[in-house]
Protein backbone atom coordinates (compact mmCIF):
# COMPACT_ATOMS: atom_id res chain seq x y z
CA LYS A 1 -67.23 -87.77 -41.00
CA ALA A 2 -65.06 -88.18 -37.63
CA GLU A 3 -68.09 -86.28 -35.82
CA ILE A 4 -70.68 -89.16 -37.03
CA ASP A 5 -68.24 -91.92 -36.30
CA GLU A 6 -65.86 -91.25 -33.55
CA ASN A 7 -64.76 -95.17 -33.45
CA LEU A 8 -63.67 -95.33 -36.97
CA ALA A 9 -62.02 -91.99 -36.73
CA HIS A 10 -60.10 -93.47 -33.79
CA LYS A 11 -59.12 -96.46 -35.80
CA ILE A 12 -57.77 -94.28 -38.60
CA ASN A 13 -56.38 -91.60 -36.62
CA ALA A 14 -54.99 -93.18 -33.58
CA SER A 15 -54.85 -97.12 -33.84
CA ALA A 16 -53.58 -96.96 -37.24
CA VAL A 17 -50.94 -94.49 -36.61
CA GLU A 18 -49.65 -96.44 -33.52
CA ASN A 19 -49.31 -99.43 -35.73
CA LEU A 20 -47.14 -97.58 -38.25
CA GLY A 21 -44.95 -96.73 -35.27
CA LEU A 22 -44.65 -100.27 -34.18
CA SER A 23 -43.50 -101.17 -37.34
CA GLY A 24 -40.03 -99.83 -36.65
CA ALA A 25 -40.22 -97.55 -39.63
CA ARG A 26 -39.41 -93.90 -39.68
CA VAL A 27 -42.66 -92.07 -39.52
CA ILE A 28 -43.60 -88.66 -40.76
CA HIS A 29 -47.28 -88.39 -39.42
CA ILE A 30 -49.55 -85.51 -40.70
CA SER A 31 -51.67 -84.01 -37.85
CA THR A 32 -53.98 -80.83 -37.37
CA ASP A 33 -54.44 -77.53 -35.58
CA TYR A 34 -57.65 -79.05 -34.24
CA VAL A 35 -55.73 -80.60 -31.45
CA PHE A 36 -55.92 -77.05 -29.87
CA SER A 37 -59.11 -75.39 -28.74
CA GLY A 38 -58.99 -72.57 -31.43
CA GLU A 39 -59.42 -69.90 -28.89
CA ALA A 40 -56.01 -68.44 -29.11
CA CYS A 41 -55.44 -65.12 -30.84
CA MET A 42 -51.81 -65.84 -31.87
CA PRO A 43 -50.33 -68.67 -33.91
CA TYR A 44 -49.99 -71.83 -31.82
CA MET A 45 -46.47 -72.98 -30.77
CA GLU A 46 -45.29 -76.61 -30.93
CA THR A 47 -45.22 -76.47 -27.02
CA ASP A 48 -48.55 -74.99 -26.38
CA PRO A 49 -51.27 -77.09 -24.28
CA VAL A 50 -53.52 -78.90 -26.69
CA ALA A 51 -57.19 -78.99 -25.93
CA PRO A 52 -59.10 -80.90 -28.89
CA ARG A 53 -62.95 -79.88 -28.98
CA THR A 54 -64.05 -82.28 -31.85
CA ALA A 55 -63.89 -85.87 -32.32
CA TYR A 56 -61.54 -85.43 -35.17
CA GLY A 57 -59.24 -83.30 -32.97
CA ARG A 58 -59.27 -85.84 -30.20
CA THR A 59 -58.58 -88.85 -32.58
CA LYS A 60 -55.63 -86.97 -34.14
CA ARG A 61 -54.25 -85.95 -30.84
CA GLU A 62 -54.51 -89.61 -29.57
CA GLY A 63 -52.71 -90.84 -32.74
CA GLU A 64 -49.87 -88.26 -31.97
CA LYS A 65 -49.62 -89.40 -28.42
CA LEU A 66 -49.63 -93.15 -29.40
CA LEU A 67 -46.93 -92.69 -31.92
CA GLN A 68 -44.58 -90.73 -29.51
CA ALA A 69 -45.24 -93.56 -27.05
CA VAL A 70 -43.97 -96.44 -29.37
CA SER A 71 -41.67 -94.72 -31.71
CA ALA A 72 -38.75 -92.35 -30.83
CA GLU A 73 -38.18 -91.88 -34.38
CA ALA A 74 -41.22 -90.11 -35.38
CA ILE A 75 -41.87 -86.58 -36.92
CA ILE A 76 -45.35 -84.99 -36.42
CA ILE A 77 -46.53 -82.20 -38.54
CA ARG A 78 -49.42 -80.12 -37.63
CA THR A 79 -50.78 -78.33 -40.37
CA ALA A 80 -54.10 -76.40 -41.30
CA TRP A 81 -56.57 -75.39 -44.10
CA LEU A 82 -55.01 -77.59 -46.44
CA TYR A 83 -56.27 -76.98 -50.10
CA SER A 84 -55.13 -78.63 -53.62
CA THR A 85 -56.40 -79.42 -57.03
CA PHE A 86 -57.00 -83.04 -55.46
CA GLY A 87 -59.56 -84.31 -53.18
CA ASN A 88 -62.31 -82.28 -51.41
CA ASN A 89 -61.36 -79.22 -49.73
CA PHE A 90 -62.58 -75.59 -48.76
CA VAL A 91 -61.43 -73.98 -52.17
CA LYS A 92 -63.29 -76.50 -54.26
CA THR A 93 -66.56 -76.53 -51.94
CA MET A 94 -66.45 -72.80 -52.26
CA LEU A 95 -66.09 -72.88 -56.18
CA ARG A 96 -68.62 -75.38 -56.43
CA LEU A 97 -71.24 -73.31 -54.14
CA GLY A 98 -70.14 -70.27 -56.03
CA GLN A 99 -71.32 -71.54 -59.22
CA GLU A 100 -74.39 -72.93 -57.81
CA ARG A 101 -75.59 -70.00 -55.68
CA GLU A 102 -75.81 -66.29 -56.04
CA SER A 103 -74.82 -65.45 -52.68
CA LEU A 104 -73.02 -67.31 -49.72
CA GLY A 105 -72.51 -66.30 -46.16
CA VAL A 106 -68.93 -67.06 -44.60
CA VAL A 107 -67.54 -66.74 -41.46
CA PHE A 108 -65.26 -63.90 -40.75
CA ASP A 109 -64.35 -64.73 -37.14
CA GLN A 110 -62.34 -67.82 -37.63
CA LEU A 111 -58.65 -67.13 -38.55
CA GLY A 112 -56.08 -69.49 -40.14
CA SER A 113 -53.39 -69.87 -42.55
CA PRO A 114 -54.60 -71.33 -45.85
CA THR A 115 -51.88 -74.01 -47.02
CA TYR A 116 -51.35 -75.28 -50.38
CA ALA A 117 -50.71 -79.02 -49.95
CA ALA A 118 -47.84 -79.10 -52.67
CA ASP A 119 -45.89 -76.79 -50.32
CA LEU A 120 -46.65 -79.16 -47.40
CA ALA A 121 -45.39 -81.94 -49.57
CA ASN A 122 -42.24 -80.29 -50.47
CA ALA A 123 -41.38 -79.66 -46.81
CA ILE A 124 -42.14 -83.34 -46.27
CA TRP A 125 -39.70 -84.33 -49.33
CA GLU A 126 -37.08 -81.87 -47.70
CA ILE A 127 -37.43 -83.67 -44.26
CA ILE A 128 -37.10 -87.15 -46.10
CA THR A 129 -34.38 -86.29 -48.31
CA SER A 130 -32.16 -84.65 -45.42
CA LYS A 131 -32.32 -87.73 -43.57
CA SER A 132 -33.20 -85.57 -40.50
CA THR A 133 -32.99 -87.29 -37.09
CA ASP A 134 -34.85 -84.05 -35.56
CA TYR A 135 -37.93 -86.16 -34.38
CA GLY A 136 -40.64 -84.48 -32.70
CA VAL A 137 -43.62 -82.22 -33.32
CA TYR A 138 -43.70 -79.31 -35.94
CA HIS A 139 -46.01 -76.71 -37.27
CA PHE A 140 -46.47 -76.17 -40.95
CA SER A 141 -48.30 -73.80 -42.97
CA ASN A 142 -48.04 -71.30 -45.73
CA GLU A 143 -47.51 -67.65 -44.46
CA GLY A 144 -50.28 -65.09 -43.74
CA VAL A 145 -53.44 -65.12 -41.89
CA CYS A 146 -57.06 -64.66 -42.90
CA SER A 147 -60.47 -65.40 -42.13
CA TRP A 148 -62.70 -67.97 -44.03
CA TYR A 149 -64.53 -64.95 -45.39
CA ASP A 150 -61.48 -63.41 -46.67
CA PHE A 151 -60.20 -66.69 -48.26
CA THR A 152 -63.68 -67.09 -49.94
CA THR A 153 -63.39 -63.42 -51.59
CA ALA A 154 -59.75 -64.10 -52.58
CA ILE A 155 -60.85 -67.40 -54.32
CA PHE A 156 -64.09 -65.79 -56.27
CA ARG A 157 -61.66 -62.87 -57.21
CA LEU A 158 -58.83 -64.80 -58.66
CA THR A 159 -61.36 -67.17 -60.31
CA ASN A 160 -63.89 -64.44 -61.59
CA THR A 161 -66.61 -66.38 -59.90
CA ASN A 162 -69.81 -64.20 -59.81
CA CYS A 163 -71.18 -64.76 -56.31
CA GLN A 164 -71.56 -62.21 -53.58
CA VAL A 165 -69.88 -63.11 -50.30
CA PHE A 166 -71.47 -61.79 -46.97
CA PRO A 167 -69.44 -61.93 -43.75
CA ILE A 168 -71.14 -64.21 -40.93
CA GLU A 169 -70.27 -64.70 -37.25
């Protein structure tokens, strides 16, 4: 939706984050790997240059910058490919499509690390309960790398979904 209404995305992903930073509270901000270009063939490091290519990435990056400008006591966690039983996410979309269709084409040339939202929540809880003062930018995802195609085939295998998956560019 950020690509459709970048002004609203900016209000949510940047201005609201800045306002939280101005509150004086310690802030843990969840950001995204979309702040990068997506062209690297190795995992991104926190110190790598950012180059967002989408409205979502641009507004999330702006939120990071604004938060850092107004709060020295902020932790920014960049994550990727989140999934859970709650909300809309790739796993739930693929399961729905797998029930509706006999076959799907899914990209094989985009790689990432699917991240279970509960694992991210546990990491955030560890930060909160440790009362960490190691402020800054951190990356968090589950281990391993796969393509969207690989992820889909694993989802269908684990759920016995009878839908043929074809790799596409």
